[in-house]
Amino acid sequence: MPELERLELVGETNFAGLIAMAECYSRMMQATRIIRTQGVMGHDPDKGKHPAIAVVEESSRNLDRCDRDLGGTIKDRLRTRPG
């Protein structure tokens, strides 16, 4: 991250966004591992799809939102940089 700070692409203003993005990714990957282990239907097929699928879906949406939010910030900074 020091290189991104040096380029003024990240800093204190969007550090919380990077943390949120990392947490979303972590939740998504943990749920994905659970689904791989337990299957799409989980331990009780009568209840429908595994609850971890909803976690993956929500985390994916949140990750996209974080990416857009941070991406806009980074693009704006690149656009306004001299040179």
Protein backbone atom coordinates (compact mmCIF):
# COMPACT_ATOMS: atom_id res chain seq x y z
CA MET A 1 0.00 0.00 0.00
CA PRO A 2 2.91 2.45 0.42
CA GLU A 3 3.25 2.60 -3.37
CA LEU A 4 -0.43 3.45 -3.78
CA GLU A 5 -0.09 6.13 -1.11
CA ARG A 6 2.97 7.56 -2.86
CA LEU A 7 0.95 7.82 -6.06
CA GLU A 8 -1.83 9.43 -4.01
CA LEU A 9 -4.30 6.77 -5.15
CA VAL A 10 -5.20 5.70 -1.62
CA GLY A 11 -4.88 7.38 1.72
CA GLU A 12 -6.78 8.20 4.87
CA THR A 13 -9.83 9.34 2.92
CA ASN A 14 -10.54 5.91 1.43
CA PHE A 15 -8.74 3.62 3.87
CA ALA A 16 -12.07 2.62 5.45
CA GLY A 17 -13.33 1.70 1.98
CA LEU A 18 -10.36 -0.59 1.43
CA ILE A 19 -11.01 -2.27 4.77
CA ALA A 20 -14.69 -2.73 3.89
CA MET A 21 -13.68 -4.21 0.55
CA ALA A 22 -11.28 -6.65 2.23
CA GLU A 23 -13.98 -7.70 4.72
CA CYS A 24 -16.50 -8.28 1.91
CA TYR A 25 -13.98 -10.38 0.03
CA SER A 26 -13.13 -12.36 3.16
CA ARG A 27 -16.81 -13.12 3.89
CA MET A 28 -17.42 -14.12 0.28
CA MET A 29 -14.44 -16.49 0.24
CA GLN A 30 -15.37 -18.05 3.60
CA ALA A 31 -18.92 -18.70 2.41
CA THR A 32 -17.57 -20.11 -0.86
CA ARG A 33 -15.37 -22.56 1.07
CA ILE A 34 -18.36 -23.64 3.15
CA ILE A 35 -20.43 -24.26 0.01
CA ARG A 36 -17.59 -26.27 -1.55
CA THR A 37 -17.42 -28.43 1.58
CA GLN A 38 -21.13 -28.82 2.34
CA GLY A 39 -22.61 -28.51 -1.13
CA VAL A 40 -25.14 -26.10 -2.58
CA MET A 41 -28.00 -27.65 -0.63
CA GLY A 42 -26.12 -27.89 2.68
CA HIS A 43 -26.89 -30.45 5.34
CA ASP A 44 -30.66 -30.14 4.98
CA PRO A 45 -31.79 -30.23 1.33
CA ASP A 46 -35.43 -29.85 2.43
CA LYS A 47 -34.71 -26.23 3.42
CA GLY A 48 -33.59 -25.25 -0.08
CA LYS A 49 -30.28 -23.71 -1.00
CA HIS A 50 -27.49 -23.36 1.52
CA PRO A 51 -27.65 -20.11 3.55
CA ALA A 52 -24.03 -19.41 2.61
CA ILE A 53 -25.19 -18.79 -0.96
CA ALA A 54 -27.02 -15.66 0.25
CA VAL A 55 -23.81 -14.56 1.97
CA VAL A 56 -21.85 -14.96 -1.28
CA GLU A 57 -24.50 -13.04 -3.22
CA GLU A 58 -24.67 -10.16 -0.72
CA SER A 59 -20.90 -9.99 -0.33
CA SER A 60 -20.50 -9.91 -4.09
CA ARG A 61 -22.94 -6.98 -4.37
CA ASN A 62 -21.18 -5.15 -1.54
CA LEU A 63 -17.79 -5.83 -3.10
CA ASP A 64 -18.99 -4.39 -6.41
CA ARG A 65 -20.30 -1.32 -4.58
CA CYS A 66 -16.99 -0.83 -2.74
CA ASP A 67 -15.10 -1.27 -5.99
CA ARG A 68 -17.23 1.34 -7.74
CA ASP A 69 -16.86 3.75 -4.83
CA LEU A 70 -13.10 3.35 -4.65
CA GLY A 71 -12.73 3.17 -8.42
CA GLY A 72 -14.44 6.48 -8.84
CA THR A 73 -12.17 8.03 -6.27
CA ILE A 74 -9.04 6.62 -7.91
CA LYS A 75 -10.17 7.58 -11.41
CA ASP A 76 -10.99 11.10 -10.24
CA ARG A 77 -7.56 11.46 -8.67
CA LEU A 78 -5.80 10.18 -11.78
CA ARG A 79 -7.84 12.50 -13.97
CA THR A 80 -6.98 15.57 -11.87
CA ARG A 81 -3.27 14.81 -11.41
CA PRO A 82 -0.91 17.06 -13.34
CA GLY A 83 1.22 15.48 -16.05
